[in-house]
């Protein structure tokens, strides 16, 4: 039987890529986004119910990177 994934980045094996070690595994590990994932918010309720629905999350586009100077 395979072992469950580590619960924190500190306990992850070093051969696991850093983004995978740092990826939140629970909603409690997500930093920020309280307006979406805070207690009683619709998206959190959908995830905790085990029946997340389809939705489109929209926001302003990120600013373009400045041209490189060289």
PDB file of N, CA and C in Angstrom:
ATOM      1  N   UNK A   1       0.846  -1.172   0.000  1.00  0.00           N
ATOM      2  CA  UNK A   1       0.000   0.000   0.000  1.00  0.00           C
ATOM      3  C   UNK A   1       0.891   1.235   0.000  1.00  0.00           C
ATOM      4  N   UNK A   2       0.663   2.198  -0.956  1.00  0.00           N
ATOM      5  CA  UNK A   2       1.510   3.390  -0.998  1.00  0.00           C
ATOM      6  C   UNK A   2       1.249   4.308   0.192  1.00  0.00           C
ATOM      7  N   UNK A   3       2.296   5.012   0.582  1.00  0.00           N
ATOM      8  CA  UNK A   3       2.174   5.950   1.705  1.00  0.00           C
ATOM      9  C   UNK A   3       1.450   7.204   1.240  1.00  0.00           C
ATOM     10  N   UNK A   4       0.682   7.842   2.115  1.00  0.00           N
ATOM     11  CA  UNK A   4       0.017   9.088   1.726  1.00  0.00           C
ATOM     12  C   UNK A   4       1.041  10.186   1.498  1.00  0.00           C
ATOM     13  N   UNK A   5       0.689  11.203   0.687  1.00  0.00           N
ATOM     14  CA  UNK A   5       1.641  12.285   0.436  1.00  0.00           C
ATOM     15  C   UNK A   5       1.955  13.045   1.717  1.00  0.00           C
ATOM     16  N   UNK A   6       3.143  13.657   1.795  1.00  0.00           N
ATOM     17  CA  UNK A   6       3.508  14.415   2.988  1.00  0.00           C
ATOM     18  C   UNK A   6       2.555  15.575   3.196  1.00  0.00           C
ATOM     19  N   UNK A   7       2.380  15.976   4.461  1.00  0.00           N
ATOM     20  CA  UNK A   7       1.437  17.035   4.781  1.00  0.00           C
ATOM     21  C   UNK A   7       2.045  18.421   4.674  1.00  0.00           C
ATOM     22  N   UNK A   8       3.353  18.542   4.794  1.00  0.00           N
ATOM     23  CA  UNK A   8       3.985  19.850   4.691  1.00  0.00           C
ATOM     24  C   UNK A   8       5.244  19.744   3.845  1.00  0.00           C
ATOM     25  N   UNK A   9       5.689  20.887   3.355  1.00  0.00           N
ATOM     26  CA  UNK A   9       6.896  20.912   2.528  1.00  0.00           C
ATOM     27  C   UNK A   9       8.106  20.440   3.316  1.00  0.00           C
ATOM     28  N   UNK A  10       8.113  20.680   4.610  1.00  0.00           N
ATOM     29  CA  UNK A  10       9.255  20.292   5.428  1.00  0.00           C
ATOM     30  C   UNK A  10       9.423  18.776   5.488  1.00  0.00           C
ATOM     31  N   UNK A  11       8.342  18.035   5.315  1.00  0.00           N
ATOM     32  CA  UNK A  11       8.400  16.576   5.394  1.00  0.00           C
ATOM     33  C   UNK A  11       8.472  15.901   4.029  1.00  0.00           C
ATOM     34  N   UNK A  12       8.458  16.671   2.945  1.00  0.00           N
ATOM     35  CA  UNK A  12       8.506  16.096   1.601  1.00  0.00           C
ATOM     36  C   UNK A  12       9.940  15.676   1.276  1.00  0.00           C
ATOM     37  N   UNK A  13      10.080  14.565   0.551  1.00  0.00           N
ATOM     38  CA  UNK A  13      11.424  14.151   0.128  1.00  0.00           C
ATOM     39  C   UNK A  13      12.038  15.206  -0.799  1.00  0.00           C
ATOM     40  N   UNK A  14      13.354  15.312  -0.754  1.00  0.00           N
ATOM     41  CA  UNK A  14      14.032  16.340  -1.533  1.00  0.00           C
ATOM     42  C   UNK A  14      13.959  16.096  -3.032  1.00  0.00           C
ATOM     43  N   UNK A  15      13.687  14.859  -3.459  1.00  0.00           N
ATOM     44  CA  UNK A  15      13.603  14.602  -4.896  1.00  0.00           C
ATOM     45  C   UNK A  15      12.281  15.078  -5.495  1.00  0.00           C
ATOM     46  N   UNK A  16      11.318  15.456  -4.665  1.00  0.00           N
ATOM     47  CA  UNK A  16      10.043  15.976  -5.152  1.00  0.00           C
ATOM     48  C   UNK A  16      10.257  17.437  -5.554  1.00  0.00           C
ATOM     49  N   UNK A  17       9.774  17.840  -6.749  1.00  0.00           N
ATOM     50  CA  UNK A  17       9.976  19.224  -7.195  1.00  0.00           C
ATOM     51  C   UNK A  17       9.399  20.232  -6.198  1.00  0.00           C
ATOM     52  N   UNK A  18      10.077  21.370  -6.062  1.00  0.00           N
ATOM     53  CA  UNK A  18       9.681  22.388  -5.095  1.00  0.00           C
ATOM     54  C   UNK A  18       8.230  22.839  -5.251  1.00  0.00           C
ATOM     55  N   UNK A  19       7.736  23.117  -6.474  1.00  0.00           N
ATOM     56  CA  UNK A  19       6.332  23.533  -6.578  1.00  0.00           C
ATOM     57  C   UNK A  19       5.359  22.491  -6.018  1.00  0.00           C
ATOM     58  N   UNK A  20       5.674  21.227  -6.209  1.00  0.00           N
ATOM     59  CA  UNK A  20       4.813  20.177  -5.675  1.00  0.00           C
ATOM     60  C   UNK A  20       4.880  20.128  -4.149  1.00  0.00           C
ATOM     61  N   UNK A  21       6.069  20.374  -3.602  1.00  0.00           N
ATOM     62  CA  UNK A  21       6.210  20.378  -2.141  1.00  0.00           C
ATOM     63  C   UNK A  21       5.473  21.552  -1.505  1.00  0.00           C
ATOM     64  N   UNK A  22       5.392  22.679  -2.223  1.00  0.00           N
ATOM     65  CA  UNK A  22       4.780  23.882  -1.668  1.00  0.00           C
ATOM     66  C   UNK A  22       3.294  24.006  -1.969  1.00  0.00           C
ATOM     67  N   UNK A  23       2.777  23.162  -2.858  1.00  0.00           N
ATOM     68  CA  UNK A  23       1.368  23.243  -3.256  1.00  0.00           C
ATOM     69  C   UNK A  23       0.464  22.957  -2.064  1.00  0.00           C
ATOM     70  N   UNK A  24      -0.544  23.816  -1.819  1.00  0.00           N
ATOM     71  CA  UNK A  24      -1.454  23.549  -0.704  1.00  0.00           C
ATOM     72  C   UNK A  24      -2.227  22.259  -0.929  1.00  0.00           C
ATOM     73  N   UNK A  25      -2.403  21.481   0.122  1.00  0.00           N
ATOM     74  CA  UNK A  25      -3.143  20.230   0.032  1.00  0.00           C
ATOM     75  C   UNK A  25      -4.537  20.344   0.654  1.00  0.00           C
ATOM     76  N   UNK A  26      -4.753  21.406   1.424  1.00  0.00           N
ATOM     77  CA  UNK A  26      -6.059  21.658   2.028  1.00  0.00           C
ATOM     78  C   UNK A  26      -6.385  23.142   1.869  1.00  0.00           C
ATOM     79  N   UNK A  27      -7.647  23.485   2.033  1.00  0.00           N
ATOM     80  CA  UNK A  27      -8.033  24.894   1.955  1.00  0.00           C
ATOM     81  C   UNK A  27      -7.385  25.706   3.068  1.00  0.00           C
ATOM     82  N   UNK A  28      -7.116  25.078   4.203  1.00  0.00           N
ATOM     83  CA  UNK A  28      -6.485  25.783   5.320  1.00  0.00           C
ATOM     84  C   UNK A  28      -5.058  26.222   4.977  1.00  0.00           C
ATOM     85  N   UNK A  29      -4.413  25.560   4.026  1.00  0.00           N
ATOM     86  CA  UNK A  29      -3.044  25.899   3.643  1.00  0.00           C
ATOM     87  C   UNK A  29      -2.979  27.003   2.592  1.00  0.00           C
ATOM     88  N   UNK A  30      -4.115  27.410   2.013  1.00  0.00           N
ATOM     89  CA  UNK A  30      -4.126  28.471   1.008  1.00  0.00           C
ATOM     90  C   UNK A  30      -3.950  29.806   1.713  1.00  0.00           C
ATOM     91  N   UNK A  31      -2.991  30.599   1.255  1.00  0.00           N
ATOM     92  CA  UNK A  31      -2.717  31.910   1.849  1.00  0.00           C
ATOM     93  C   UNK A  31      -3.433  32.963   1.011  1.00  0.00           C
ATOM     94  N   UNK A  32      -4.184  33.816   1.668  1.00  0.00           N
ATOM     95  CA  UNK A  32      -4.918  34.861   0.958  1.00  0.00           C
ATOM     96  C   UNK A  32      -6.217  34.311   0.374  1.00  0.00           C
ATOM     97  N   UNK A  33      -6.818  35.074  -0.506  1.00  0.00           N
ATOM     98  CA  UNK A  33      -8.057  34.693  -1.185  1.00  0.00           C
ATOM     99  C   UNK A  33      -9.212  34.450  -0.215  1.00  0.00           C
ATOM    100  N   UNK A  34      -9.200  35.143   0.919  1.00  0.00           N
ATOM    101  CA  UNK A  34     -10.268  34.948   1.901  1.00  0.00           C
ATOM    102  C   UNK A  34     -11.627  35.348   1.351  1.00  0.00           C
ATOM    103  N   UNK A  35     -11.662  36.277   0.388  1.00  0.00           N
ATOM    104  CA  UNK A  35     -12.932  36.675  -0.208  1.00  0.00           C
ATOM    105  C   UNK A  35     -13.543  35.544  -1.034  1.00  0.00           C
ATOM    106  N   UNK A  36     -12.733  34.549  -1.399  1.00  0.00           N
ATOM    107  CA  UNK A  36     -13.225  33.390  -2.141  1.00  0.00           C
ATOM    108  C   UNK A  36     -13.307  32.137  -1.283  1.00  0.00           C
ATOM    109  N   UNK A  37     -12.327  31.954  -0.382  1.00  0.00           N
ATOM    110  CA  UNK A  37     -12.207  30.694   0.344  1.00  0.00           C
ATOM    111  C   UNK A  37     -12.413  30.822   1.843  1.00  0.00           C
ATOM    112  N   UNK A  38     -12.796  32.005   2.323  1.00  0.00           N
ATOM    113  CA  UNK A  38     -13.027  32.197   3.752  1.00  0.00           C
ATOM    114  C   UNK A  38     -14.251  31.422   4.229  1.00  0.00           C
ATOM    115  N   UNK A  39     -14.392  31.287   5.546  1.00  0.00           N
ATOM    116  CA  UNK A  39     -15.529  30.576   6.126  1.00  0.00           C
ATOM    117  C   UNK A  39     -16.844  31.163   5.609  1.00  0.00           C
ATOM    118  N   UNK A  40     -17.724  30.293   5.143  1.00  0.00           N
ATOM    119  CA  UNK A  40     -19.037  30.718   4.685  1.00  0.00           C
ATOM    120  C   UNK A  40     -19.086  31.254   3.265  1.00  0.00           C
ATOM    121  N   UNK A  41     -17.935  31.339   2.580  1.00  0.00           N
ATOM    122  CA  UNK A  41     -17.926  31.834   1.212  1.00  0.00           C
ATOM    123  C   UNK A  41     -18.365  30.731   0.247  1.00  0.00           C
ATOM    124  N   UNK A  42     -19.056  31.088  -0.846  1.00  0.00           N
ATOM    125  CA  UNK A  42     -19.625  30.082  -1.743  1.00  0.00           C
ATOM    126  C   UNK A  42     -18.623  29.063  -2.299  1.00  0.00           C
ATOM    127  N   UNK A  43     -17.433  29.502  -2.673  1.00  0.00           N
ATOM    128  CA  UNK A  43     -16.463  28.564  -3.242  1.00  0.00           C
ATOM    129  C   UNK A  43     -15.986  27.562  -2.191  1.00  0.00           C
ATOM    130  N   UNK A  44     -15.772  28.032  -0.975  1.00  0.00           N
ATOM    131  CA  UNK A  44     -15.365  27.125   0.101  1.00  0.00           C
ATOM    132  C   UNK A  44     -16.470  26.113   0.412  1.00  0.00           C
ATOM    133  N   UNK A  45     -17.708  26.595   0.465  1.00  0.00           N
ATOM    134  CA  UNK A  45     -18.836  25.706   0.733  1.00  0.00           C
ATOM    135  C   UNK A  45     -18.922  24.630  -0.348  1.00  0.00           C
ATOM    136  N   UNK A  46     -18.712  25.021  -1.613  1.00  0.00           N
ATOM    137  CA  UNK A  46     -18.764  24.053  -2.713  1.00  0.00           C
ATOM    138  C   UNK A  46     -17.682  22.991  -2.558  1.00  0.00           C
ATOM    139  N   UNK A  47     -16.454  23.398  -2.223  1.00  0.00           N
ATOM    140  CA  UNK A  47     -15.374  22.423  -2.046  1.00  0.00           C
ATOM    141  C   UNK A  47     -15.637  21.503  -0.860  1.00  0.00           C
ATOM    142  N   UNK A  48     -16.070  22.077   0.252  1.00  0.00           N
ATOM    143  CA  UNK A  48     -16.283  21.265   1.449  1.00  0.00           C
ATOM    144  C   UNK A  48     -17.467  20.323   1.310  1.00  0.00           C
ATOM    145  N   UNK A  49     -18.418  20.651   0.434  1.00  0.00           N
ATOM    146  CA  UNK A  49     -19.577  19.773   0.232  1.00  0.00           C
ATOM    147  C   UNK A  49     -19.201  18.530  -0.561  1.00  0.00           C
ATOM    148  N   UNK A  50     -18.037  18.580  -1.223  1.00  0.00           N
ATOM    149  CA  UNK A  50     -17.623  17.449  -2.050  1.00  0.00           C
ATOM    150  C   UNK A  50     -18.257  17.480  -3.427  1.00  0.00           C
ATOM    151  N   UNK A  51     -18.983  18.549  -3.730  1.00  0.00           N
ATOM    152  CA  UNK A  51     -19.630  18.685  -5.035  1.00  0.00           C
ATOM    153  C   UNK A  51     -19.325  20.056  -5.630  1.00  0.00           C
ATOM    154  N   UNK A  52     -18.040  20.309  -5.939  1.00  0.00           N
ATOM    155  CA  UNK A  52     -17.723  21.617  -6.523  1.00  0.00           C
ATOM    156  C   UNK A  52     -18.414  21.762  -7.879  1.00  0.00           C
ATOM    157  N   UNK A  53     -18.844  22.948  -8.184  1.00  0.00           N
ATOM    158  CA  UNK A  53     -19.561  23.215  -9.415  1.00  0.00           C
ATOM    159  C   UNK A  53     -18.634  23.895 -10.421  1.00  0.00           C
ATOM    160  N   UNK A  54     -19.074  23.953 -11.645  1.00  0.00           N
ATOM    161  CA  UNK A  54     -18.306  24.656 -12.667  1.00  0.00           C
ATOM    162  C   UNK A  54     -18.443  26.151 -12.443  1.00  0.00           C
ATOM    163  N   UNK A  55     -17.344  26.861 -12.577  1.00  0.00           N
ATOM    164  CA  UNK A  55     -17.398  28.316 -12.447  1.00  0.00           C
ATOM    165  C   UNK A  55     -16.226  28.914 -13.209  1.00  0.00           C
ATOM    166  N   UNK A  56     -16.384  30.155 -13.574  1.00  0.00           N
ATOM    167  CA  UNK A  56     -15.316  30.891 -14.249  1.00  0.00           C
ATOM    168  C   UNK A  56     -14.851  31.973 -13.291  1.00  0.00           C
ATOM    169  N   UNK A  57     -13.572  31.963 -12.966  1.00  0.00           N
ATOM    170  CA  UNK A  57     -12.998  32.998 -12.115  1.00  0.00           C
ATOM    171  C   UNK A  57     -12.334  34.012 -13.033  1.00  0.00           C
ATOM    172  N   UNK A  58     -12.774  35.252 -12.958  1.00  0.00           N
ATOM    173  CA  UNK A  58     -12.297  36.281 -13.854  1.00  0.00           C
ATOM    174  C   UNK A  58     -11.696  37.418 -13.056  1.00  0.00           C
ATOM    175  N   UNK A  59     -10.680  38.004 -13.592  1.00  0.00           N
ATOM    176  CA  UNK A  59     -10.058  39.159 -12.958  1.00  0.00           C
ATOM    177  C   UNK A  59      -9.319  39.974 -14.000  1.00  0.00           C
ATOM    178  N   UNK A  60      -8.837  41.109 -13.583  1.00  0.00           N
ATOM    179  CA  UNK A  60      -8.070  41.940 -14.501  1.00  0.00           C
ATOM    180  C   UNK A  60      -6.845  41.183 -14.980  1.00  0.00           C
ATOM    181  N   UNK A  61      -6.443  41.400 -16.214  1.00  0.00           N
ATOM    182  CA  UNK A  61      -5.203  40.773 -16.672  1.00  0.00           C
ATOM    183  C   UNK A  61      -4.009  41.355 -15.930  1.00  0.00           C
ATOM    184  N   UNK A  62      -3.011  40.558 -15.754  1.00  0.00           N
ATOM    185  CA  UNK A  62      -1.788  41.025 -15.105  1.00  0.00           C
ATOM    186  C   UNK A  62      -1.094  42.022 -16.030  1.00  0.00           C
ATOM    187  N   UNK A  63      -0.376  42.975 -15.465  1.00  0.00           N
ATOM    188  CA  UNK A  63       0.327  43.938 -16.332  1.00  0.00           C
ATOM    189  C   UNK A  63       1.393  43.228 -17.147  1.00  0.00           C
ATOM    190  N   UNK A  64       1.575  43.708 -18.353  1.00  0.00           N
ATOM    191  CA  UNK A  64       2.596  43.125 -19.222  1.00  0.00           C
ATOM    192  C   UNK A  64       3.977  43.424 -18.670  1.00  0.00           C
ATOM    193  N   UNK A  65       4.898  42.526 -18.934  1.00  0.00           N
ATOM    194  CA  UNK A  65       6.268  42.747 -18.495  1.00  0.00           C
ATOM    195  C   UNK A  65       6.887  43.860 -19.332  1.00  0.00           C
ATOM    196  N   UNK A  66       7.703  44.694 -18.730  1.00  0.00           N
ATOM    197  CA  UNK A  66       8.361  45.753 -19.528  1.00  0.00           C
ATOM    198  C   UNK A  66       9.353  45.127 -20.495  1.00  0.00           C
ATOM    199  N   UNK A  67       9.595  45.793 -21.616  1.00  0.00           N
ATOM    200  CA  UNK A  67      10.573  45.234 -22.573  1.00  0.00           C
ATOM    201  C   UNK A  67      11.962  45.161 -21.923  1.00  0.00           C
ATOM    202  N   UNK A  68      12.675  44.140 -22.267  1.00  0.00           N
ATOM    203  CA  UNK A  68      14.023  43.997 -21.704  1.00  0.00           C
ATOM    204  C   UNK A  68      14.940  45.020 -22.365  1.00  0.00           C
ATOM    205  N   UNK A  69      15.826  45.520 -21.555  1.00  0.00           N
ATOM    206  CA  UNK A  69      16.789  46.496 -22.071  1.00  0.00           C
ATOM    207  C   UNK A  69      18.143  45.804 -22.176  1.00  0.00           C
ATOM    208  N   UNK A  70      18.735  45.900 -23.260  1.00  0.00           N
ATOM    209  CA  UNK A  70      19.999  45.220 -23.345  1.00  0.00           C
ATOM    210  C   UNK A  70      20.844  45.757 -24.341  1.00  0.00           C
TER     211      UNK A  70
END
